[in-house]
Amino acid sequence: MSLLSVRNLSTWFPVYGGVLRRQTGEIKAVDGVSFDIEPGKTVGLVGESGSGKTTVGRTLLKLIPATSGEVLYEGRDILPLGESEFRPMRKDLQMIFQDPFGSLNPRMTIGAILAEPLEIHFPAMSKAERRERVAELLGLVGLPADAMGRYPHEFSGGQRQRIGIARALAVKPKFIVCDEPVSALDVSVQAQIVNLLQDLQEQLGVAYLFIAHDLAVVEHVSDHVVVMHRGKIVESAPAGEIYENPQHDYTKKLLSAVPKLAA
C-alpha cells in the first residue's frame, strides 16, 4: 500500500476585483493532481516557477486548504480532518523549506529550535532526553553537538539547511516534503545536501516528495518523476523513463535546459 496517495487534488485561490472587491475568478494553482508515494521512496515533482509544485507540497501538509480532492495517508483522507484530529499525524508528515535562514527563528538557539517539536509532540520526554535527542540529530546531519548553543546567523547556508533537515527529522517522520531544499544554496554545497538526504533516507526509511525546478538534481534523487505545468500533471513516469524517453513537449523543454558535459 502507498504511504501517501493524492487523488484529483485541486487548490484554487480566489481573485477579487471591482469597487466592491467581489470574486471575479480563481487561480487554479493546482488542478486535478494525482500521484502516489511509497514508503522509503522519493517522488520528484518538477516544473518551472508558477507551475503549482510548492502549492501541492503545502496542501499535502494542510498548510494551505485544498479546494477538492483527497490526500490519503496510510489509507485515511486527511483533508477533512480538524486540527485536533490531524495533530497526532503531523509528526509523521514534515517539511524542509527552501530558505534555510527564513525558516529558522533568529532569536532561538539551535538547541531550542530542535527541541521545540520534541516538546510539542513528546511532552513526556525529559529535558535531559531532549538534549540527548538534539545532539543525536546534529550528529545525523553532520554538525557538532556544541552547535546547539549557537544561533542561526552563525552558520553558513549549507549548515543552516542541515539544521532545517534535523528539525524535520526530530519527530521521526515517515514522509517529508522537500521544497526546493538546495535551490538557495551554492552549487558547491548542493551536492552535499542531496547526498545527505539520500543517506538519511537509506538509514531511516523516510519517504520524500522532492520539489525542484532543476531536472538534473531530481534525476539524481528520484525513483519516480512527476512533471507539472500550469497546475496540472503533464507527465508521470519512473525517473529512468522520463530522462531516456520523455513524452510531453514540456518535459522535453525542461530536459533541453539541463546542462550537459561536453564529450
Protein backbone atom coordinates (compact mmCIF):
# COMPACT_ATOMS: atom_id res chain seq x y z
CA MET A 1 0.00 0.00 0.00
CA SER A 2 1.17 3.53 -0.78
CA LEU A 3 2.22 5.67 2.16
CA LEU A 4 0.58 8.72 0.58
CA SER A 5 -1.98 8.76 -2.25
CA VAL A 6 -3.01 12.03 -3.84
CA ARG A 7 -6.29 11.87 -5.76
CA ASN A 8 -7.63 14.67 -8.01
CA LEU A 9 -6.19 17.33 -5.71
CA SER A 10 -7.12 20.92 -6.54
CA THR A 11 -6.11 24.11 -4.79
CA TRP A 12 -7.67 27.27 -6.23
CA PHE A 13 -7.21 30.82 -4.99
CA PRO A 14 -9.97 33.42 -5.45
CA VAL A 15 -9.36 36.57 -7.48
CA TYR A 16 -11.19 39.75 -6.39
CA GLY A 17 -11.85 42.88 -8.40
CA GLY A 18 -14.05 45.92 -8.80
CA VAL A 19 -15.06 48.59 -6.32
CA LEU A 20 -16.87 46.09 -4.09
CA ARG A 21 -13.98 43.61 -4.23
CA ARG A 22 -16.20 40.78 -5.38
CA GLN A 23 -14.73 37.49 -6.55
CA THR A 24 -14.23 37.68 -10.29
CA GLY A 25 -12.47 34.37 -10.84
CA GLU A 26 -9.90 31.98 -9.44
CA ILE A 27 -6.30 30.97 -9.96
CA LYS A 28 -6.10 27.22 -10.44
CA ALA A 29 -2.70 26.77 -8.78
CA VAL A 30 -3.25 23.00 -8.54
CA ASP A 31 -5.86 21.42 -10.78
CA GLY A 32 -6.72 17.72 -10.54
CA VAL A 33 -3.34 16.30 -9.49
CA SER A 34 -2.91 12.59 -8.66
CA PHE A 35 0.16 10.54 -7.71
CA ASP A 36 1.38 8.01 -5.11
CA ILE A 37 4.40 7.87 -2.83
CA GLU A 38 5.58 4.52 -1.48
CA PRO A 39 7.31 4.10 1.91
CA GLY A 40 11.01 4.93 1.74
CA LYS A 41 10.84 6.20 -1.85
CA THR A 42 11.28 9.60 -3.49
CA VAL A 43 8.91 11.23 -5.95
CA GLY A 44 10.43 14.22 -7.75
CA LEU A 45 7.93 17.00 -8.50
CA VAL A 46 9.29 19.20 -11.26
CA GLY A 47 8.18 22.37 -13.00
CA GLU A 48 9.01 25.99 -13.62
CA SER A 49 8.16 28.76 -11.15
CA GLY A 50 4.39 29.15 -11.00
CA SER A 51 3.67 25.57 -12.05
CA GLY A 52 1.97 24.81 -8.72
CA LYS A 53 4.50 22.37 -7.32
CA THR A 54 5.11 24.17 -4.00
CA THR A 55 1.36 24.61 -3.55
CA VAL A 56 1.00 20.82 -3.89
CA GLY A 57 3.55 20.25 -1.12
CA ARG A 58 1.94 22.75 1.24
CA THR A 59 -1.55 21.42 0.54
CA LEU A 60 -0.45 17.86 1.34
CA LEU A 61 0.62 19.03 4.80
CA LYS A 62 -2.56 21.10 5.29
CA LEU A 63 -0.58 24.34 5.40
CA ILE A 64 -2.88 25.54 2.59
CA PRO A 65 -6.54 24.41 2.40
CA ALA A 66 -7.43 22.23 -0.57
CA THR A 67 -10.37 23.12 -2.82
CA SER A 68 -11.19 19.48 -3.61
CA GLY A 69 -9.70 16.01 -3.88
CA GLU A 70 -8.20 13.53 -1.43
CA VAL A 71 -4.87 13.06 0.31
CA LEU A 72 -4.79 9.56 1.73
CA TYR A 73 -2.14 8.98 4.38
CA GLU A 74 -1.91 5.27 5.16
CA GLY A 75 -5.37 4.91 3.62
CA ARG A 76 -7.09 7.73 5.53
CA ASP A 77 -8.10 11.00 3.88
CA ILE A 78 -6.50 13.74 5.97
CA LEU A 79 -8.05 16.75 4.22
CA PRO A 80 -11.40 16.73 6.09
CA LEU A 81 -9.71 16.30 9.49
CA GLY A 82 -9.81 19.14 12.00
CA GLU A 83 -6.61 20.25 13.69
CA SER A 84 -7.21 18.16 16.82
CA GLU A 85 -7.70 15.01 14.73
CA PHE A 86 -4.79 15.76 12.42
CA ARG A 87 -2.29 16.81 15.10
CA PRO A 88 -1.18 13.25 16.03
CA MET A 89 -0.35 12.68 12.34
CA ARG A 90 1.52 15.95 11.93
CA LYS A 91 4.69 14.48 13.40
CA ASP A 92 4.65 11.85 10.61
CA LEU A 93 4.44 14.48 7.87
CA GLN A 94 7.18 17.12 7.92
CA MET A 95 8.70 19.75 5.64
CA ILE A 96 12.13 21.09 4.71
CA PHE A 97 11.80 24.67 3.47
CA GLN A 98 13.57 26.32 0.56
CA ASP A 99 15.10 29.18 2.55
CA PRO A 100 17.05 27.75 5.48
CA PHE A 101 17.56 31.16 7.09
CA GLY A 102 13.99 32.38 6.75
CA SER A 103 12.60 29.18 8.26
CA LEU A 104 14.73 29.33 11.44
CA ASN A 105 13.87 31.69 14.29
CA PRO A 106 16.90 34.01 14.59
CA ARG A 107 16.21 34.61 18.30
CA MET A 108 16.36 30.93 19.25
CA THR A 109 19.46 28.81 19.69
CA ILE A 110 19.81 25.74 17.52
CA GLY A 111 19.19 23.58 20.58
CA ALA A 112 15.90 25.35 21.28
CA ILE A 113 14.84 25.15 17.61
CA LEU A 114 15.40 21.38 17.53
CA ALA A 115 13.90 20.80 20.98
CA GLU A 116 10.68 22.69 20.21
CA PRO A 117 8.99 19.93 18.13
CA LEU A 118 10.01 17.38 20.76
CA GLU A 119 8.30 19.43 23.50
CA ILE A 120 5.12 19.64 21.38
CA HIS A 121 4.86 16.03 20.20
CA PHE A 122 6.62 14.19 23.04
CA PRO A 123 5.63 16.11 26.21
CA ALA A 124 6.65 13.21 28.46
CA MET A 125 10.28 13.48 27.29
CA SER A 126 12.56 14.91 29.99
CA LYS A 127 14.87 17.88 29.42
CA ALA A 128 17.90 15.56 29.52
CA GLU A 129 16.29 13.23 26.97
CA ARG A 130 15.52 16.17 24.68
CA ARG A 131 19.10 17.39 24.92
CA GLU A 132 20.36 13.90 24.07
CA ARG A 133 17.99 13.72 21.07
CA VAL A 134 19.12 17.16 19.85
CA ALA A 135 22.76 16.05 19.99
CA GLU A 136 21.83 12.89 18.09
CA LEU A 137 20.04 14.93 15.41
CA LEU A 138 23.02 17.25 14.95
CA GLY A 139 25.24 14.21 14.51
CA LEU A 140 22.84 12.76 11.91
CA VAL A 141 23.22 15.85 9.73
CA GLY A 142 26.96 16.22 10.20
CA LEU A 143 27.11 19.03 12.75
CA PRO A 144 28.88 19.02 16.15
CA ALA A 145 26.86 18.75 19.36
CA ASP A 146 28.13 22.15 20.56
CA ALA A 147 26.19 23.77 17.70
CA MET A 148 23.10 23.63 19.92
CA GLY A 149 24.28 26.68 21.88
CA ARG A 150 24.70 28.88 18.80
CA TYR A 151 22.27 30.94 16.70
CA PRO A 152 21.26 30.56 13.01
CA HIS A 153 23.25 33.61 11.82
CA GLU A 154 26.47 31.92 12.99
CA PHE A 155 26.15 29.21 10.33
CA SER A 156 26.61 29.09 6.56
CA GLY A 157 23.67 28.48 4.21
CA GLY A 158 24.53 24.80 3.85
CA GLN A 159 24.85 24.37 7.61
CA ARG A 160 21.51 26.11 8.16
CA GLN A 161 19.86 23.73 5.72
CA ARG A 162 21.35 20.83 7.68
CA ILE A 163 19.68 22.32 10.77
CA GLY A 164 16.40 22.53 8.84
CA ILE A 165 16.74 18.87 7.92
CA ALA A 166 17.47 17.97 11.55
CA ARG A 167 14.35 19.83 12.66
CA ALA A 168 12.23 17.91 10.14
CA LEU A 169 13.71 14.62 11.39
CA ALA A 170 13.30 15.45 15.08
CA VAL A 171 9.90 13.77 15.47
CA LYS A 172 10.85 10.71 13.38
CA PRO A 173 8.56 11.36 10.40
CA LYS A 174 7.61 8.83 7.73
CA PHE A 175 7.26 11.45 4.99
CA ILE A 176 8.99 14.77 4.28
CA VAL A 177 8.15 17.42 1.69
CA CYS A 178 11.50 18.79 0.48
CA ASP A 179 10.54 22.16 -1.02
CA GLU A 180 13.46 23.09 -3.30
CA PRO A 181 15.87 22.29 -0.45
CA VAL A 182 19.03 23.12 -2.43
CA SER A 183 17.96 25.94 -4.77
CA ALA A 184 19.04 28.69 -2.34
CA LEU A 185 22.49 27.14 -1.82
CA ASP A 186 25.81 27.49 -3.63
CA VAL A 187 26.37 24.87 -6.30
CA SER A 188 29.32 23.51 -4.35
CA VAL A 189 27.06 22.81 -1.36
CA GLN A 190 24.04 21.46 -3.24
CA ALA A 191 25.57 18.01 -3.86
CA GLN A 192 26.46 17.67 -0.17
CA ILE A 193 22.86 18.31 0.91
CA VAL A 194 21.41 15.99 -1.76
CA ASN A 195 23.79 13.22 -0.71
CA LEU A 196 22.88 13.81 2.94
CA LEU A 197 19.17 13.47 2.16
CA GLN A 198 19.81 10.22 0.30
CA ASP A 199 21.94 8.82 3.12
CA LEU A 200 19.26 9.70 5.67
CA GLN A 201 16.58 8.05 3.55
CA GLU A 202 18.61 4.86 3.35
CA GLN A 203 19.29 4.97 7.09
CA LEU A 204 15.83 5.99 8.34
CA GLY A 205 13.46 4.74 5.62
CA VAL A 206 11.72 8.11 5.23
CA ALA A 207 9.81 8.94 2.02
CA TYR A 208 10.31 12.25 0.19
CA LEU A 209 8.36 14.49 -2.14
CA PHE A 210 11.32 16.32 -3.66
CA ILE A 211 10.16 19.58 -5.24
CA ALA A 212 12.55 21.26 -7.68
CA HIS A 213 12.86 23.09 -10.96
CA ASP A 214 16.28 21.56 -11.65
CA LEU A 215 15.84 18.27 -13.50
CA ALA A 216 19.49 17.35 -13.01
CA VAL A 217 19.01 17.31 -9.22
CA VAL A 218 15.70 15.45 -9.46
CA GLU A 219 17.23 12.76 -11.68
CA HIS A 220 19.84 12.12 -9.01
CA VAL A 221 17.41 11.60 -6.14
CA SER A 222 14.07 10.34 -7.51
CA ASP A 223 12.53 6.92 -8.03
CA HIS A 224 9.58 8.46 -9.88
CA VAL A 225 9.20 11.88 -11.52
CA VAL A 226 6.03 13.96 -11.87
CA VAL A 227 6.16 16.95 -14.24
CA MET A 228 3.78 19.86 -13.59
CA HIS A 229 2.81 22.74 -15.88
CA ARG A 230 0.19 25.41 -15.09
CA GLY A 231 -1.27 23.45 -12.20
CA LYS A 232 -1.63 20.13 -13.99
CA ILE A 233 0.48 17.00 -14.32
CA VAL A 234 1.66 16.65 -17.91
CA GLU A 235 3.84 13.57 -17.43
CA SER A 236 4.46 10.98 -14.71
CA ALA A 237 6.84 8.02 -15.00
CA PRO A 238 9.78 6.22 -13.38
CA ALA A 239 12.81 8.51 -13.35
CA GLY A 240 14.74 6.50 -15.94
CA GLU A 241 11.88 6.64 -18.44
CA ILE A 242 11.39 10.38 -18.07
CA TYR A 243 15.01 11.08 -18.89
CA GLU A 244 15.51 8.47 -21.59
CA ASN A 245 12.19 8.82 -23.39
CA PRO A 246 10.20 11.95 -22.44
CA GLN A 247 6.73 12.03 -23.97
CA HIS A 248 5.42 15.54 -23.42
CA ASP A 249 6.80 18.62 -25.19
CA TYR A 250 7.04 20.50 -21.88
CA THR A 251 9.17 17.72 -20.36
CA LYS A 252 11.42 17.82 -23.42
CA LYS A 253 11.75 21.59 -22.99
CA LEU A 254 12.79 21.20 -19.34
CA LEU A 255 15.29 18.49 -20.25
CA SER A 256 16.79 20.64 -23.02
CA ALA A 257 17.66 23.26 -20.37
CA VAL A 258 19.72 20.79 -18.31
CA PRO A 259 23.45 21.45 -18.83
CA LYS A 260 25.33 18.56 -20.43
CA LEU A 261 29.02 17.84 -20.13
CA ALA A 262 30.96 18.12 -23.35
CA ALA A 263 32.27 14.85 -24.76
